Structure formats: C-alpha cells, structure tokens
N, C-alpha and C. Protein backbone atom coordinates (compact mmCIF):
# COMPACT_ATOMS: atom_id res chain seq x y z
N MET A 1 -62.43 -36.04 -68.38
CA MET A 1 -62.01 -35.43 -67.10
C MET A 1 -62.47 -33.89 -66.86
N LYS A 2 -62.30 -33.09 -68.26
CA LYS A 2 -62.21 -31.94 -68.06
C LYS A 2 -63.85 -31.37 -67.66
N TYR A 3 -64.90 -32.15 -68.86
CA TYR A 3 -66.04 -32.21 -68.75
C TYR A 3 -66.58 -32.18 -67.11
N ILE A 4 -66.34 -33.27 -66.26
CA ILE A 4 -66.78 -33.40 -65.36
C ILE A 4 -66.51 -32.64 -64.12
N LYS A 5 -65.25 -31.63 -64.25
CA LYS A 5 -64.94 -30.94 -63.66
C LYS A 5 -66.07 -29.61 -63.76
N SER A 6 -66.27 -29.45 -64.94
CA SER A 6 -67.15 -28.23 -65.24
C SER A 6 -68.76 -28.51 -64.90
N PHE A 7 -68.66 -29.68 -64.91
CA PHE A 7 -70.51 -29.94 -64.59
C PHE A 7 -70.94 -29.68 -63.50
N PRO A 8 -71.72 -28.71 -63.22
CA PRO A 8 -72.43 -28.42 -61.95
C PRO A 8 -72.96 -29.79 -61.02
N LEU A 9 -72.63 -30.39 -60.39
CA LEU A 9 -73.25 -31.45 -59.77
C LEU A 9 -74.66 -30.94 -59.04
N GLU A 10 -74.58 -29.97 -58.29
CA GLU A 10 -75.63 -29.52 -57.81
C GLU A 10 -77.01 -29.56 -58.73
N LEU A 11 -76.82 -29.03 -60.32
CA LEU A 11 -77.96 -29.17 -61.47
C LEU A 11 -78.37 -30.97 -61.52
N PHE A 12 -77.11 -31.92 -61.24
CA PHE A 12 -77.77 -33.09 -61.11
C PHE A 12 -78.62 -33.58 -60.01
N PHE A 13 -78.10 -32.76 -58.82
CA PHE A 13 -79.17 -33.30 -57.87
C PHE A 13 -80.48 -33.13 -58.19
N TRP A 14 -80.50 -31.44 -58.01
CA TRP A 14 -82.11 -31.06 -57.98
C TRP A 14 -82.94 -31.86 -59.34
N VAL A 15 -82.33 -31.72 -60.67
CA VAL A 15 -82.95 -32.19 -61.60
C VAL A 15 -83.33 -33.93 -61.37
N ALA A 16 -82.15 -34.75 -60.14
CA ALA A 16 -82.83 -35.89 -60.21
C ALA A 16 -83.69 -36.21 -59.03
N ALA A 17 -83.80 -35.32 -58.39
CA ALA A 17 -84.56 -34.80 -57.12
C ALA A 17 -86.19 -34.83 -57.77
N LEU A 18 -86.02 -34.06 -58.61
CA LEU A 18 -87.31 -33.63 -59.28
C LEU A 18 -88.42 -34.67 -59.89
N VAL A 19 -87.26 -35.71 -60.47
CA VAL A 19 -87.79 -36.78 -61.46
C VAL A 19 -88.14 -37.80 -60.53
N LEU A 20 -87.19 -37.86 -59.38
CA LEU A 20 -87.94 -38.96 -58.38
C LEU A 20 -89.15 -38.65 -58.15
N LEU A 21 -89.28 -37.30 -57.53
CA LEU A 21 -90.36 -36.98 -56.86
C LEU A 21 -91.84 -37.09 -57.80
N ALA A 22 -91.45 -36.85 -59.06
CA ALA A 22 -92.32 -36.89 -60.28
C ALA A 22 -92.77 -38.43 -60.33
N THR A 23 -91.99 -39.55 -60.07
CA THR A 23 -92.37 -40.64 -60.15
C THR A 23 -92.40 -41.39 -59.25
N THR A 24 -92.71 -41.07 -58.06
CA THR A 24 -92.78 -41.87 -57.00
C THR A 24 -94.33 -41.67 -56.89
N ASN A 25 -94.69 -42.52 -55.86
CA ASN A 25 -96.46 -42.06 -55.78
C ASN A 25 -96.39 -41.88 -54.20
N GLY A 26 -97.03 -40.63 -53.84
CA GLY A 26 -96.60 -39.95 -52.60
C GLY A 26 -97.88 -40.32 -51.75
N HIS A 27 -98.96 -41.25 -52.18
CA HIS A 27 -99.46 -41.72 -51.34
C HIS A 27 -99.15 -43.29 -50.13
N GLU A 28 -97.77 -43.70 -50.55
CA GLU A 28 -97.16 -45.11 -50.31
C GLU A 28 -96.17 -44.14 -49.39
N HIS A 29 -95.76 -44.97 -48.51
CA HIS A 29 -94.56 -44.71 -47.55
C HIS A 29 -93.05 -45.48 -48.13
N HIS A 30 -92.46 -44.67 -48.35
CA HIS A 30 -90.99 -45.01 -49.11
C HIS A 30 -89.92 -45.07 -48.33
N PHE A 31 -88.81 -45.62 -48.66
CA PHE A 31 -87.46 -45.72 -47.91
C PHE A 31 -87.23 -44.39 -47.50
N THR A 32 -86.68 -44.12 -46.40
CA THR A 32 -86.04 -42.73 -46.32
C THR A 32 -85.01 -42.66 -45.11
N LEU A 33 -83.99 -41.68 -45.44
CA LEU A 33 -82.93 -41.34 -43.96
C LEU A 33 -83.38 -40.85 -42.98
N CYS A 34 -84.51 -40.27 -43.35
CA CYS A 34 -84.73 -39.41 -42.20
C CYS A 34 -85.26 -40.29 -41.12
N PRO A 35 -84.62 -39.62 -39.87
CA PRO A 35 -84.49 -40.13 -38.62
C PRO A 35 -86.11 -39.93 -37.91
N LEU A 36 -86.48 -39.21 -37.84
CA LEU A 36 -87.89 -38.52 -37.63
C LEU A 36 -89.12 -39.16 -38.21
N ALA A 37 -89.05 -40.04 -39.61
CA ALA A 37 -90.00 -40.74 -40.28
C ALA A 37 -89.80 -42.33 -40.24
N ASN A 38 -88.28 -42.48 -39.69
CA ASN A 38 -87.95 -43.99 -39.45
C ASN A 38 -88.58 -44.39 -37.93
N LEU A 39 -88.71 -43.15 -37.36
CA LEU A 39 -89.56 -43.68 -35.85
C LEU A 39 -91.00 -43.31 -36.24
N GLY A 40 -91.47 -43.16 -36.88
CA GLY A 40 -92.63 -43.33 -36.76
C GLY A 40 -93.46 -42.09 -37.01
N PHE A 41 -92.75 -40.78 -36.84
CA PHE A 41 -93.37 -39.56 -36.64
C PHE A 41 -93.16 -38.47 -37.86
N GLU A 42 -93.53 -39.28 -39.06
CA GLU A 42 -93.19 -38.45 -40.44
C GLU A 42 -94.38 -37.50 -40.50
N ASP A 43 -95.50 -37.15 -39.64
CA ASP A 43 -96.22 -36.02 -39.88
C ASP A 43 -95.46 -34.83 -39.57
N TRP A 44 -94.47 -34.84 -38.37
CA TRP A 44 -93.95 -33.78 -38.00
C TRP A 44 -92.81 -33.41 -38.63
N CYS A 45 -92.10 -33.95 -39.68
CA CYS A 45 -91.04 -33.64 -40.37
C CYS A 45 -91.00 -33.07 -41.30
N SER A 46 -90.84 -31.73 -41.09
CA SER A 46 -91.13 -30.59 -42.30
C SER A 46 -90.51 -30.91 -43.50
N GLY A 47 -89.01 -31.20 -43.73
CA GLY A 47 -88.72 -31.95 -44.96
C GLY A 47 -89.35 -32.72 -45.61
N CYS A 48 -90.00 -33.68 -44.97
CA CYS A 48 -90.79 -34.80 -45.54
C CYS A 48 -92.06 -34.52 -46.17
N GLY A 49 -92.34 -33.32 -45.26
CA GLY A 49 -94.01 -33.19 -45.99
C GLY A 49 -93.54 -31.53 -47.25
N ILE A 50 -92.52 -31.24 -47.29
CA ILE A 50 -92.54 -30.61 -48.29
C ILE A 50 -91.98 -31.37 -49.53
N GLY A 51 -91.16 -32.61 -49.33
CA GLY A 51 -91.35 -33.36 -50.40
C GLY A 51 -92.30 -34.07 -50.83
N ARG A 52 -93.31 -34.16 -49.82
CA ARG A 52 -94.91 -35.17 -50.48
C ARG A 52 -95.61 -34.39 -51.18
N SER A 53 -95.53 -32.69 -50.66
CA SER A 53 -96.58 -31.57 -51.37
C SER A 53 -95.85 -31.42 -52.70
N ILE A 54 -94.56 -31.68 -52.90
CA ILE A 54 -93.85 -31.13 -54.39
C ILE A 54 -94.22 -32.43 -55.17
N SER A 55 -94.17 -33.90 -54.61
CA SER A 55 -94.70 -35.02 -55.30
C SER A 55 -96.23 -34.73 -55.56
N HIS A 56 -97.16 -34.06 -54.81
CA HIS A 56 -98.41 -34.33 -55.36
C HIS A 56 -98.65 -33.10 -56.66
N ILE A 57 -97.90 -31.80 -56.30
CA ILE A 57 -97.91 -30.94 -57.30
C ILE A 57 -97.62 -31.40 -58.63
N LEU A 58 -96.44 -32.42 -58.41
CA LEU A 58 -96.05 -32.87 -60.17
C LEU A 58 -97.37 -33.91 -60.57
N HIS A 59 -97.81 -34.54 -59.67
CA HIS A 59 -99.06 -35.09 -60.19
C HIS A 59 -100.23 -34.60 -60.28
N GLY A 60 -100.36 -33.48 -60.27
CA GLY A 60 -101.53 -32.39 -60.04
C GLY A 60 -102.36 -32.71 -59.26
N GLU A 61 -101.89 -33.04 -57.91
CA GLU A 61 -102.85 -33.04 -56.70
C GLU A 61 -102.90 -31.70 -55.49
N PHE A 62 -103.11 -30.95 -55.90
CA PHE A 62 -102.76 -29.03 -55.50
C PHE A 62 -103.56 -29.31 -54.55
N THR A 63 -104.54 -29.58 -54.23
CA THR A 63 -105.28 -29.30 -52.55
C THR A 63 -104.71 -30.15 -51.86
N LYS A 64 -103.96 -31.65 -52.21
CA LYS A 64 -103.28 -32.32 -51.45
C LYS A 64 -102.00 -32.04 -51.04
N SER A 65 -101.64 -31.80 -52.07
CA SER A 65 -100.56 -30.85 -51.41
C SER A 65 -100.19 -29.84 -50.34
N PHE A 66 -101.16 -28.80 -50.89
CA PHE A 66 -101.13 -27.81 -49.76
C PHE A 66 -101.54 -28.30 -48.41
N SER A 67 -102.60 -29.81 -48.47
CA SER A 67 -102.90 -30.15 -47.00
C SER A 67 -101.24 -30.75 -46.33
N GLU A 68 -100.39 -31.29 -47.41
CA GLU A 68 -99.45 -31.60 -46.82
C GLU A 68 -98.52 -30.72 -46.11
N HIS A 69 -98.13 -29.89 -47.35
CA HIS A 69 -97.23 -29.08 -46.54
C HIS A 69 -97.38 -27.45 -47.65
N TRP A 70 -97.99 -26.48 -46.70
CA TRP A 70 -98.09 -24.96 -47.54
C TRP A 70 -96.73 -24.79 -48.31
N PHE A 71 -95.63 -24.77 -47.53
CA PHE A 71 -94.13 -24.27 -48.70
C PHE A 71 -94.23 -24.98 -49.49
N GLY A 72 -94.64 -26.34 -50.20
CA GLY A 72 -94.50 -27.09 -51.16
C GLY A 72 -94.48 -26.20 -52.22
N PHE A 73 -95.42 -25.91 -52.75
CA PHE A 73 -95.21 -24.39 -54.19
C PHE A 73 -94.17 -23.96 -54.14
N PRO A 74 -94.04 -22.79 -53.02
CA PRO A 74 -93.25 -22.20 -53.02
C PRO A 74 -91.39 -22.47 -53.23
N ALA A 75 -91.72 -24.01 -52.53
CA ALA A 75 -90.19 -24.68 -52.42
C ALA A 75 -90.16 -24.76 -54.00
N LEU A 76 -90.78 -25.57 -54.58
CA LEU A 76 -90.97 -25.75 -55.93
C LEU A 76 -90.54 -25.13 -56.77
N LEU A 77 -91.07 -23.75 -56.53
CA LEU A 77 -90.86 -22.35 -57.57
C LEU A 77 -88.79 -22.14 -57.34
N ILE A 78 -88.87 -22.18 -55.97
CA ILE A 78 -87.40 -21.77 -56.01
C ILE A 78 -86.46 -23.03 -56.23
N ILE A 79 -86.82 -24.17 -56.83
CA ILE A 79 -86.22 -25.20 -57.12
C ILE A 79 -85.85 -25.10 -58.63
N VAL A 80 -87.35 -24.60 -59.29
CA VAL A 80 -87.17 -24.84 -60.41
C VAL A 80 -86.07 -23.42 -61.01
N TYR A 81 -86.24 -22.36 -60.27
CA TYR A 81 -85.44 -21.24 -60.39
C TYR A 81 -83.94 -21.27 -60.67
N ARG A 82 -83.68 -22.06 -59.06
CA ARG A 82 -82.22 -22.74 -59.35
C ARG A 82 -81.89 -23.55 -60.15
N ILE A 83 -82.43 -24.52 -60.73
CA ILE A 83 -81.96 -25.27 -61.84
C ILE A 83 -81.92 -24.50 -63.03
N TYR A 84 -82.79 -23.69 -63.59
CA TYR A 84 -82.98 -22.40 -64.46
C TYR A 84 -81.24 -22.20 -64.15
N THR A 85 -81.16 -21.23 -63.41
CA THR A 85 -79.75 -20.39 -63.01
C THR A 85 -78.60 -21.00 -63.45
N LEU A 86 -78.62 -22.34 -62.76
CA LEU A 86 -77.62 -23.53 -62.82
C LEU A 86 -77.32 -23.76 -64.36
N ILE A 87 -78.32 -23.78 -65.15
CA ILE A 87 -77.93 -24.06 -66.92
C ILE A 87 -78.07 -22.87 -67.37
N LYS A 88 -78.48 -21.46 -67.11
CA LYS A 88 -77.88 -20.09 -67.38
C LYS A 88 -76.49 -19.78 -67.10
N ASN A 89 -76.02 -20.25 -66.23
CA ASN A 89 -74.99 -19.99 -65.60
C ASN A 89 -73.60 -21.29 -65.81
N LYS A 90 -74.20 -22.11 -66.68
CA LYS A 90 -73.13 -23.66 -66.71
C LYS A 90 -71.86 -23.25 -67.32
N LYS A 91 -71.91 -22.50 -68.57
CA LYS A 91 -70.68 -22.40 -68.98
C LYS A 91 -69.60 -21.53 -68.18
N THR A 92 -70.22 -20.75 -67.15
CA THR A 92 -69.18 -20.11 -66.16
C THR A 92 -68.90 -20.83 -64.87
N PHE A 93 -69.67 -22.09 -64.65
CA PHE A 93 -69.33 -22.80 -63.79
C PHE A 93 -68.11 -23.67 -63.74
N LYS A 94 -66.92 -23.53 -62.98
CA LYS A 94 -65.90 -24.11 -62.80
C LYS A 94 -65.08 -24.82 -61.10
N ILE A 95 -65.11 -25.78 -61.31
CA ILE A 95 -64.20 -26.32 -59.77
C ILE A 95 -63.16 -25.82 -59.66
N SER A 96 -63.09 -25.01 -58.71
CA SER A 96 -61.40 -24.64 -58.47
C SER A 96 -60.95 -25.82 -57.42
N THR A 97 -59.40 -25.98 -58.20
CA THR A 97 -58.78 -27.02 -57.57
C THR A 97 -57.95 -26.70 -56.91
N THR A 98 -57.62 -25.31 -56.81
CA THR A 98 -56.25 -24.81 -56.10
C THR A 98 -56.64 -23.95 -54.81
N ASN A 99 -55.85 -24.27 -53.49
CA ASN A 99 -56.26 -23.35 -52.40
C ASN A 99 -56.12 -21.99 -52.64
N THR A 100 -56.35 -21.21 -52.00
CA THR A 100 -56.37 -19.83 -52.43
C THR A 100 -56.54 -19.30 -50.86
C-alpha cells in the first residue's frame, strides 16, 4: 500500500497514452469520448488532431503528422519532458493524506 501511495499516477497516465498512440492505427476511426468527434466533427477538434498527429510521429509519418496538427511534435516533446521529470523526481513524490 505504501508503494501505491508513492507511485505517481500521472506517470502511468502519460506512458500509457503514448503506448496506446504508438500501437493504434492513426488512419482508422476509433472509439472516442470526444463529443465533437462523435458528432462527426472530428476534423474540428484540436485535441483529436494532436492525438492523431502524435500517433503519426510515433509511426514515422512526419509530413502526415504536420498536416493533422502543427502542434503534435511540440506536444510530444512536452509529454516526454514531463515523463522524464516525473521519473527523475519519483523518489520525492508523495501523496499527502492530511488536510493542511
């Protein structure tokens, strides 16, 4: 139980998200919780575009990635940096269970 409290859940979230984006096919429509995509406006949603852009980068399709969303590569760099800082500071991470 002590290990679970000290594990940064955000680290699991980001790593799982990148693994899912690397293993999915960016050319197919997948199940999504995005209301815009479910209404048929998936090209208007910037969040879905960034996700598809990162997926194309992870598959080596850089021009396709840039055509999906120009912020995909900077977003991937930011996510990778966040994962690095979470791993680096993992020993100092601790969930506070007291209200102060």
